[in-house]
Every structure is written in C-alpha cells, then in structure tokens.
C-alpha cells in the first residue's frame, strides 16, 4: 500500500515538473508580448464604449417606431425621436459611469 502511494507521489512530481518546464519554455513569449496588451485593451475599451452608446439609442429607436405605429397620430409627439434621444442619453450616462466609476 505504501509502495502505491510512493509511486503515485512520484508520478505527481513528474507531471508537475513537466508542467513547470512547459511554463518556463513559454515564458519568453509572455515576456515578449506583455507590453503589447495595452493596445488591445484600448481597442476593446473603445468597442465597449461604442456598443454602450449605440445599443440603447438603436433600441430606443425601434421601440419608438413601434409606439408610433401602434399609438401615433399625425401631429402628435414622435416617440421615435424621443426614445432615440433618451436611449442616446442613457448610453452617454452609462459610458460616463463606466469610465469614471468602474475604472477608479
């Protein structure tokens, strides 16, 4: 029984050594690309900011179009423009919160 435990322990140590040697072999890659992550983080942040502004504005536009077709009369309030501007304001507010509250 003790021999089985010793064999399992040796196998575990061998697997751990193999893993560590693979990590060391690839660490030069990590060091090489470490400074380049800032660019891609900036690109991702710009993409998120774009979606945070566009999505509420487009959703408001579609909801406003639906409400105009369903309840709108000529000469009455335009729900499309109202909800589009409301969605745009909501998007700008969410970006402002994202940039100034989430990051600090």
Foldseek 3Di string as FASTA:
>chain_A
DVVVVVVVVVVVVVVVVVVVVVCVVCVVVCVVCVVVVVVVVVVVLVVVLVCLQPVQLVVQQVVQVVCCVVPNDPPDDRSNVVSNVVSNVRSVVVNVCCVPPVVD
